[in-house]
């Protein structure tokens, strides 16, 4: 799929009065969707435009409709747009081909198709939240398209939307305690390892923000160093850097000379001099988490243990560090509104959710400990009898 063909498709549903404006809009639509790593050859990563991958998975008309749908202000977050595209091209594009279609087209599924798909996903143990997310993407696209063109009835009905337990915390992002965060930093094998952990934790940062930052986003004002980051929905924020993080960044960026293609202008580079992406950081944190023995079971290092299949072991992810920082602020009785502003949560309910989960866990622990107090010394009794 060439840029020319992408340009032609992306303009069909958007009225563009001039070619210059057409090109500008086309470029924004394609750039917003970003790149996807499709392969890796040694240290070299192979990327392709997400828009190009989408065009290969859907029909021409559906490709245009998806871009039009994503252009709505109701879907302002870049990450949300990218997630939707990935769901459409991977989940629904793959299912359409399984049903005998060359590519996915809006309206190609019936309610029976969705029922069969949902039952199969449940049989595979897919979490209800994941099933619901995939269905939401398909339903939203279908509803949007039905306002513009004639379509069959939306195949996603309430009968096939999973009931999601909003009080279920079993799959919530885990939170590290303060001593566990310190253990992760101690597990760092280099200044760079420590930089990544501190940068994400102290700023409660999102991994996409840090990967996109450039050296030129560093700002020095008096004795304080700042980082200019672009947060969700294109929000620009200038965040103060802790002294330790600033020093680690100084060491990481020392001696940089900007290249013609701007590669070395990236704030975070890997050992090969390439801009770090979220996959690089995820692998780094997984390594540190296992070394620090956080979010792992007692048998993680024993022969035969399969980390990916273990129901106890969890990966240390960038969002774990962000969630931990937010939770620790709440533990320190920082005002909810202040935490919301620091975390840049648009919806205060998101911040309140962290507070509720923390309080619920503490309350449950208190109730369990109170019950245990009724049976003080019971284990000593049996051990004495054994002797």
Protein backbone atom coordinates (compact mmCIF):
# COMPACT_ATOMS: atom_id res chain seq x y z
CA UNK A 1 0.00 0.00 0.00
CA UNK A 2 1.59 3.25 -1.15
CA UNK A 3 1.22 6.64 0.50
CA UNK A 4 -0.58 7.80 -2.62
CA UNK A 5 -3.28 5.14 -2.25
CA UNK A 6 -3.56 5.84 1.47
CA UNK A 7 -3.97 9.52 0.63
CA UNK A 8 -6.73 8.78 -1.88
CA UNK A 9 -8.65 6.60 0.54
CA UNK A 10 -8.32 8.87 3.57
CA UNK A 11 -9.92 11.81 1.78
CA UNK A 12 -13.06 10.19 0.41
CA UNK A 13 -15.33 10.85 3.40
CA UNK A 14 -13.74 14.13 4.48
CA UNK A 15 -14.67 17.13 2.37
CA UNK A 16 -11.42 18.86 1.44
CA UNK A 17 -11.62 22.11 -0.54
CA UNK A 18 -8.00 22.18 -1.72
CA UNK A 19 -5.10 19.87 -2.46
CA UNK A 20 -2.80 21.51 0.11
CA UNK A 21 -5.34 20.99 2.85
CA UNK A 22 -5.98 17.47 1.62
CA UNK A 23 -2.29 16.61 1.94
CA UNK A 24 -2.08 18.12 5.41
CA UNK A 25 -5.10 16.18 6.65
CA UNK A 26 -3.85 12.97 5.05
CA UNK A 27 -0.49 13.34 6.70
CA UNK A 28 -2.07 13.97 10.10
CA UNK A 29 -4.38 10.95 9.85
CA UNK A 30 -1.53 8.62 8.90
CA UNK A 31 0.97 10.13 11.35
CA UNK A 32 -1.50 9.93 14.23
CA UNK A 33 -1.75 6.18 13.80
CA UNK A 34 2.02 5.85 14.05
CA UNK A 35 4.27 2.91 13.28
CA UNK A 36 4.12 -0.73 14.32
CA UNK A 37 7.15 -2.92 14.88
CA UNK A 38 6.60 -5.95 12.64
CA UNK A 39 9.99 -7.63 12.84
CA UNK A 40 13.43 -7.48 14.39
CA UNK A 41 16.70 -8.47 12.76
CA UNK A 42 19.36 -8.49 15.44
CA UNK A 43 19.42 -4.99 16.88
CA UNK A 44 17.55 -3.57 13.91
CA UNK A 45 13.81 -3.07 14.33
CA UNK A 46 11.53 -3.19 11.31
CA UNK A 47 8.53 -0.84 11.35
CA UNK A 48 5.52 -0.31 9.11
CA UNK A 49 2.84 2.40 9.21
CA UNK A 50 -0.21 1.28 11.15
CA UNK A 51 -2.40 2.84 8.47
CA UNK A 52 -0.75 0.63 5.86
CA UNK A 53 -1.38 -2.52 7.92
CA UNK A 54 -5.00 -1.46 8.39
CA UNK A 55 -5.44 -0.96 4.63
CA UNK A 56 -4.27 -4.54 4.04
CA UNK A 57 -6.77 -5.97 6.54
CA UNK A 58 -9.96 -4.15 5.49
CA UNK A 59 -11.78 -3.24 2.30
CA UNK A 60 -11.25 0.12 0.63
CA UNK A 61 -14.58 1.56 1.79
CA UNK A 62 -14.06 0.30 5.33
CA UNK A 63 -10.54 1.76 5.44
CA UNK A 64 -11.95 5.17 4.59
CA UNK A 65 -14.75 4.73 7.14
CA UNK A 66 -12.32 3.78 9.91
CA UNK A 67 -10.20 6.87 9.32
CA UNK A 68 -13.31 9.03 9.26
CA UNK A 69 -14.51 7.40 12.50
CA UNK A 70 -11.18 8.00 14.20
CA UNK A 71 -11.20 11.65 13.09
CA UNK A 72 -14.11 12.35 15.42
CA UNK A 73 -13.31 14.43 18.50
CA UNK A 74 -14.97 11.72 20.59
CA UNK A 75 -11.84 9.67 20.05
CA UNK A 76 -9.21 12.24 20.95
CA UNK A 77 -6.54 10.06 22.55
CA UNK A 78 -3.88 8.88 20.12
CA UNK A 79 -3.43 5.67 22.05
CA UNK A 80 -7.17 4.99 21.91
CA UNK A 81 -7.14 5.48 18.14
CA UNK A 82 -4.19 3.14 17.75
CA UNK A 83 -5.79 0.51 19.99
CA UNK A 84 -8.98 0.67 17.94
CA UNK A 85 -7.06 0.23 14.69
CA UNK A 86 -5.15 -2.73 16.11
CA UNK A 87 -8.41 -4.33 17.29
CA UNK A 88 -10.07 -3.83 13.91
CA UNK A 89 -7.19 -5.12 11.81
CA UNK A 90 -6.03 -7.97 14.05
CA UNK A 91 -9.19 -9.28 15.72
CA UNK A 92 -11.97 -8.46 13.27
CA UNK A 93 -9.80 -8.58 10.16
CA UNK A 94 -8.61 -12.05 11.16
CA UNK A 95 -12.12 -13.25 12.01
CA UNK A 96 -13.49 -11.99 8.69
CA UNK A 97 -10.88 -13.98 6.80
CA UNK A 98 -11.70 -17.03 8.90
CA UNK A 99 -15.31 -16.70 7.77
CA UNK A 100 -14.25 -16.64 4.13
CA UNK A 101 -13.99 -12.92 3.41
CA UNK A 102 -10.90 -11.54 1.71
CA UNK A 103 -10.89 -8.58 4.09
CA UNK A 104 -13.00 -7.15 6.87
CA UNK A 105 -15.86 -4.87 5.83
CA UNK A 106 -18.30 -3.03 8.06
CA UNK A 107 -21.49 -5.07 8.04
CA UNK A 108 -19.91 -8.42 7.16
CA UNK A 109 -20.79 -9.99 10.54
CA UNK A 110 -24.16 -11.13 11.80
CA UNK A 111 -25.29 -11.48 15.40
CA UNK A 112 -24.75 -15.24 15.08
CA UNK A 113 -21.14 -14.64 14.04
CA UNK A 114 -20.57 -12.49 17.10
CA UNK A 115 -22.26 -15.03 19.37
CA UNK A 116 -19.97 -17.79 18.08
CA UNK A 117 -16.91 -15.58 18.43
CA UNK A 118 -17.80 -14.59 21.99
CA UNK A 119 -18.38 -18.18 23.08
CA UNK A 120 -15.06 -19.26 21.59
CA UNK A 121 -13.20 -16.44 23.35
CA UNK A 122 -14.82 -17.39 26.65
CA UNK A 123 -13.83 -21.01 26.05
CA UNK A 124 -10.23 -19.90 25.62
CA UNK A 125 -10.32 -18.10 28.95
CA UNK A 126 -10.18 -14.58 27.52
CA UNK A 127 -11.08 -12.09 30.28
CA UNK A 128 -14.52 -10.44 29.98
CA UNK A 129 -12.86 -7.00 29.95
CA UNK A 130 -10.86 -7.94 26.85
CA UNK A 131 -13.88 -9.39 25.06
CA UNK A 132 -15.84 -6.27 25.92
CA UNK A 133 -13.11 -4.01 24.54
CA UNK A 134 -13.03 -5.82 21.20
CA UNK A 135 -16.82 -5.72 20.93
CA UNK A 136 -16.92 -2.04 21.85
CA UNK A 137 -14.56 -1.19 18.99
CA UNK A 138 -16.63 -3.12 16.46
CA UNK A 139 -19.94 -1.76 17.75
CA UNK A 140 -18.74 1.85 17.83
CA UNK A 141 -17.46 1.65 14.26
CA UNK A 142 -20.71 0.03 13.05
CA UNK A 143 -22.88 2.64 14.81
CA UNK A 144 -20.83 5.47 13.31
CA UNK A 145 -20.91 3.98 9.81
CA UNK A 146 -24.68 3.32 9.97
CA UNK A 147 -25.25 7.07 10.23
CA UNK A 148 -23.54 7.54 6.86
CA UNK A 149 -24.40 4.46 4.82
CA UNK A 150 -27.06 1.74 4.78
CA UNK A 151 -25.98 -1.20 6.93
CA UNK A 152 -27.56 -4.29 8.46
CA UNK A 153 -28.44 -4.17 12.13
CA UNK A 154 -25.51 -3.82 14.51
CA UNK A 155 -24.28 -7.41 15.09
CA UNK A 156 -23.13 -6.57 18.62
CA UNK A 157 -26.14 -6.83 20.91
CA UNK A 158 -26.49 -6.51 24.66
CA UNK A 159 -26.96 -10.29 24.82
CA UNK A 160 -23.32 -10.81 23.87
CA UNK A 161 -21.71 -8.06 25.90
CA UNK A 162 -19.97 -9.70 28.87
CA UNK A 163 -20.90 -8.61 32.35
CA UNK A 164 -17.79 -6.95 33.72
CA UNK A 165 -17.41 -7.01 37.48
CA UNK A 166 -16.37 -3.45 38.27
CA UNK A 167 -15.36 -4.50 41.76
CA UNK A 168 -13.03 -7.21 40.47
CA UNK A 169 -9.46 -6.27 41.32
CA UNK A 170 -7.86 -9.58 40.32
CA UNK A 171 -6.82 -8.18 36.95
CA UNK A 172 -6.19 -4.61 38.02
CA UNK A 173 -2.72 -3.23 37.53
CA UNK A 174 -0.72 -4.45 40.54
CA UNK A 175 0.88 -1.90 42.83
CA UNK A 176 4.35 -2.18 44.31
CA UNK A 177 4.96 -1.17 47.89
CA UNK A 178 7.65 1.44 48.55
CA UNK A 179 10.24 -1.15 49.58
CA UNK A 180 9.52 -3.11 46.38
CA UNK A 181 10.16 -0.05 44.22
CA UNK A 182 13.45 0.40 46.06
CA UNK A 183 14.28 -3.26 45.43
CA UNK A 184 13.73 -2.76 41.69
CA UNK A 185 16.14 0.18 41.68
CA UNK A 186 18.70 -1.88 43.59
CA UNK A 187 18.36 -4.57 40.93
CA UNK A 188 19.44 -2.09 38.26
CA UNK A 189 22.55 -3.28 36.44
CA UNK A 190 23.45 0.12 35.04
CA UNK A 191 22.71 3.81 35.42
CA UNK A 192 20.43 3.47 32.41
CA UNK A 193 18.31 0.81 34.14
CA UNK A 194 17.96 3.07 37.14
CA UNK A 195 17.11 6.05 34.92
CA UNK A 196 14.17 4.23 33.32
CA UNK A 197 12.70 3.16 36.67
CA UNK A 198 13.11 6.56 38.31
CA UNK A 199 11.85 8.48 35.30
CA UNK A 200 8.63 6.46 35.08
CA UNK A 201 8.02 6.27 38.83
CA UNK A 202 8.83 9.81 39.97
CA UNK A 203 6.85 11.47 37.19
CA UNK A 204 4.06 8.85 37.21
CA UNK A 205 4.79 8.88 33.51
CA UNK A 206 3.29 6.97 30.65
CA UNK A 207 5.78 4.98 28.61
CA UNK A 208 4.64 6.54 25.33
CA UNK A 209 5.46 10.02 26.67
CA UNK A 210 8.98 9.07 27.66
CA UNK A 211 9.73 7.25 24.41
CA UNK A 212 8.56 10.23 22.37
CA UNK A 213 10.60 12.81 24.33
CA UNK A 214 13.64 14.42 22.72
CA UNK A 215 16.80 15.86 24.22
CA UNK A 216 15.53 19.29 23.21
CA UNK A 217 12.53 18.76 25.52
CA UNK A 218 14.84 19.29 28.49
CA UNK A 219 14.39 22.78 29.93
CA UNK A 220 16.71 24.43 32.44
CA UNK A 221 15.25 27.15 34.62
CA UNK A 222 17.57 28.34 37.32
CA UNK A 223 18.60 25.38 39.44
CA UNK A 224 15.68 23.24 38.35
CA UNK A 225 15.55 20.96 35.33
CA UNK A 226 12.25 20.23 33.57
CA UNK A 227 10.95 17.92 30.88
CA UNK A 228 8.39 19.07 28.32
CA UNK A 229 6.20 16.05 27.54
CA UNK A 230 3.17 15.54 25.32
CA UNK A 231 0.50 13.67 27.23
CA UNK A 232 -2.72 12.05 26.08
CA UNK A 233 -4.92 14.09 23.74
CA UNK A 234 -1.95 16.29 22.78
CA UNK A 235 -1.72 17.95 26.21
CA UNK A 236 1.63 19.67 26.72
CA UNK A 237 3.01 19.50 30.25
CA UNK A 238 6.29 20.79 31.68
CA UNK A 239 7.25 18.45 34.51
CA UNK A 240 9.97 19.19 37.08
CA UNK A 241 12.70 16.54 37.23
CA UNK A 242 14.12 15.23 40.49
CA UNK A 243 17.82 16.04 40.86
CA UNK A 244 18.81 12.35 40.63
CA UNK A 245 16.83 11.85 37.42
CA UNK A 246 18.33 15.01 35.91
CA UNK A 247 21.84 13.76 36.71
CA UNK A 248 21.12 10.34 35.20
CA UNK A 249 19.74 12.00 32.08
CA UNK A 250 22.85 14.19 31.85
CA UNK A 251 25.03 11.07 31.89
CA UNK A 252 22.84 9.31 29.31
CA UNK A 253 22.80 12.22 26.86
CA UNK A 254 26.40 13.40 27.35
CA UNK A 255 28.33 13.93 24.12
CA UNK A 256 25.27 13.70 21.87
CA UNK A 257 25.44 15.29 18.46
CA UNK A 258 22.21 15.62 16.54
CA UNK A 259 22.19 13.60 13.32
CA UNK A 260 20.58 14.64 10.05
CA UNK A 261 17.63 12.30 10.63
CA UNK A 262 17.26 13.39 14.24
CA UNK A 263 17.85 9.87 15.61
CA UNK A 264 20.23 10.89 18.36
CA UNK A 265 17.89 13.71 19.34
CA UNK A 266 15.76 11.10 21.14
CA UNK A 267 15.96 11.46 24.90
CA UNK A 268 16.23 7.71 25.46
CA UNK A 269 18.44 5.60 23.20
CA UNK A 270 19.24 1.90 23.34
CA UNK A 271 22.75 0.45 23.15
CA UNK A 272 22.63 0.58 19.34
CA UNK A 273 21.79 4.29 19.35
CA UNK A 274 18.14 3.79 18.36
CA UNK A 275 15.19 5.50 20.00
CA UNK A 276 13.70 3.30 22.71
CA UNK A 277 10.16 2.09 22.21
CA UNK A 278 7.67 0.72 24.72
CA UNK A 279 8.66 -2.87 23.93
CA UNK A 280 12.29 -2.14 24.86
CA UNK A 281 11.24 -0.62 28.16
CA UNK A 282 8.81 -3.47 28.87
CA UNK A 283 11.61 -6.02 28.42
CA UNK A 284 13.95 -3.99 30.64
CA UNK A 285 11.39 -3.74 33.44
CA UNK A 286 10.44 -7.42 33.19
CA UNK A 287 14.10 -8.30 33.68
CA UNK A 288 14.46 -6.01 36.69
CA UNK A 289 11.20 -7.21 38.22
CA UNK A 290 12.26 -10.84 38.09
CA UNK A 291 15.71 -10.01 39.46
CA UNK A 292 14.19 -8.00 42.32
CA UNK A 293 11.64 -10.79 42.94
CA UNK A 294 8.65 -8.46 42.83
CA UNK A 295 5.29 -9.66 41.52
CA UNK A 296 6.69 -13.19 41.37
CA UNK A 297 5.86 -16.43 43.12
CA UNK A 298 8.35 -18.23 45.44
CA UNK A 299 9.15 -20.84 42.78
CA UNK A 300 9.98 -18.42 39.96
CA UNK A 301 13.64 -19.52 39.80
CA UNK A 302 13.02 -23.23 40.15
CA UNK A 303 13.48 -25.62 37.19
CA UNK A 304 10.30 -26.18 35.24
CA UNK A 305 8.67 -22.93 36.28
CA UNK A 306 6.94 -21.22 33.34
CA UNK A 307 6.67 -17.49 34.03
CA UNK A 308 4.16 -16.86 31.23
CA UNK A 309 1.81 -19.62 32.44
CA UNK A 310 2.13 -18.96 36.16
CA UNK A 311 -1.09 -17.59 37.67
CA UNK A 312 0.82 -15.72 40.37
CA UNK A 313 3.75 -14.14 38.52
CA UNK A 314 3.07 -10.80 36.87
CA UNK A 315 5.32 -8.70 34.68
CA UNK A 316 6.66 -5.43 35.97
CA UNK A 317 5.31 -2.99 33.41
CA UNK A 318 5.62 0.79 32.99
CA UNK A 319 2.02 1.18 34.13
CA UNK A 320 2.80 -0.70 37.36
CA UNK A 321 5.29 2.05 38.22
CA UNK A 322 2.79 4.77 37.32
CA UNK A 323 0.03 3.11 39.36
CA UNK A 324 2.41 2.62 42.27
CA UNK A 325 3.40 6.29 42.34
CA UNK A 326 -0.23 7.41 42.25
CA UNK A 327 -1.14 4.98 45.03
CA UNK A 328 1.80 6.05 47.20
CA UNK A 329 0.67 9.67 46.88
CA UNK A 330 -2.76 8.63 48.13
CA UNK A 331 -1.12 6.69 50.98
CA UNK A 332 0.60 9.95 51.94
CA UNK A 333 -2.83 11.64 52.12
CA UNK A 334 -2.23 13.93 49.16
CA UNK A 335 -5.52 15.59 48.19
CA UNK A 336 -7.41 13.67 45.48
CA UNK A 337 -7.64 16.73 43.24
CA UNK A 338 -3.89 17.23 43.48
CA UNK A 339 -3.23 13.58 42.62
CA UNK A 340 -5.59 13.85 39.67
CA UNK A 341 -3.73 16.91 38.39
CA UNK A 342 -0.32 15.27 38.83
CA UNK A 343 -1.41 12.07 37.06
CA UNK A 344 -3.26 14.10 34.40
CA UNK A 345 -6.46 12.10 34.73
CA UNK A 346 -9.23 13.76 32.72
CA UNK A 347 -11.90 11.99 34.74
CA UNK A 348 -11.68 12.30 38.54
CA UNK A 349 -13.32 8.85 38.72
CA UNK A 350 -10.07 7.37 37.45
CA UNK A 351 -8.16 8.82 40.42
CA UNK A 352 -10.92 7.81 42.82
CA UNK A 353 -10.62 4.27 41.47
CA UNK A 354 -7.04 4.05 42.73
CA UNK A 355 -8.17 5.33 46.13
CA UNK A 356 -11.05 2.84 46.33
CA UNK A 357 -8.87 -0.14 45.39
CA UNK A 358 -6.26 0.81 47.97
CA UNK A 359 -8.80 1.38 50.72
CA UNK A 360 -10.67 -1.81 49.90
CA UNK A 361 -7.48 -3.85 50.14
CA UNK A 362 -6.54 -2.25 53.45
CA UNK A 363 -10.04 -2.72 54.87
CA UNK A 364 -10.13 -6.38 53.85
CA UNK A 365 -6.73 -6.97 55.44
CA UNK A 366 -7.94 -5.33 58.63
CA UNK A 367 -11.03 -7.55 58.77
CA UNK A 368 -8.99 -10.70 58.16
CA UNK A 369 -6.47 -9.74 60.84
CA UNK A 370 -9.30 -9.09 63.31
CA UNK A 371 -10.69 -12.57 62.71
CA UNK A 372 -7.25 -14.12 63.15
CA UNK A 373 -6.91 -12.47 66.57
CA UNK A 374 -9.64 -14.80 67.86
CA UNK A 375 -7.34 -17.78 67.35
CA UNK A 376 -4.08 -16.48 68.76
CA UNK A 377 -1.67 -19.27 69.69
CA UNK A 378 -3.50 -22.04 67.84
CA UNK A 379 -0.43 -23.03 65.80
CA UNK A 380 1.74 -23.17 68.94
CA UNK A 381 -0.74 -25.58 70.48
CA UNK A 382 -0.44 -28.12 67.66
CA UNK A 383 3.33 -27.82 67.46
CA UNK A 384 3.63 -28.50 71.19
CA UNK A 385 1.43 -31.58 70.79
CA UNK A 386 3.70 -32.83 67.98
CA UNK A 387 6.71 -32.58 70.28
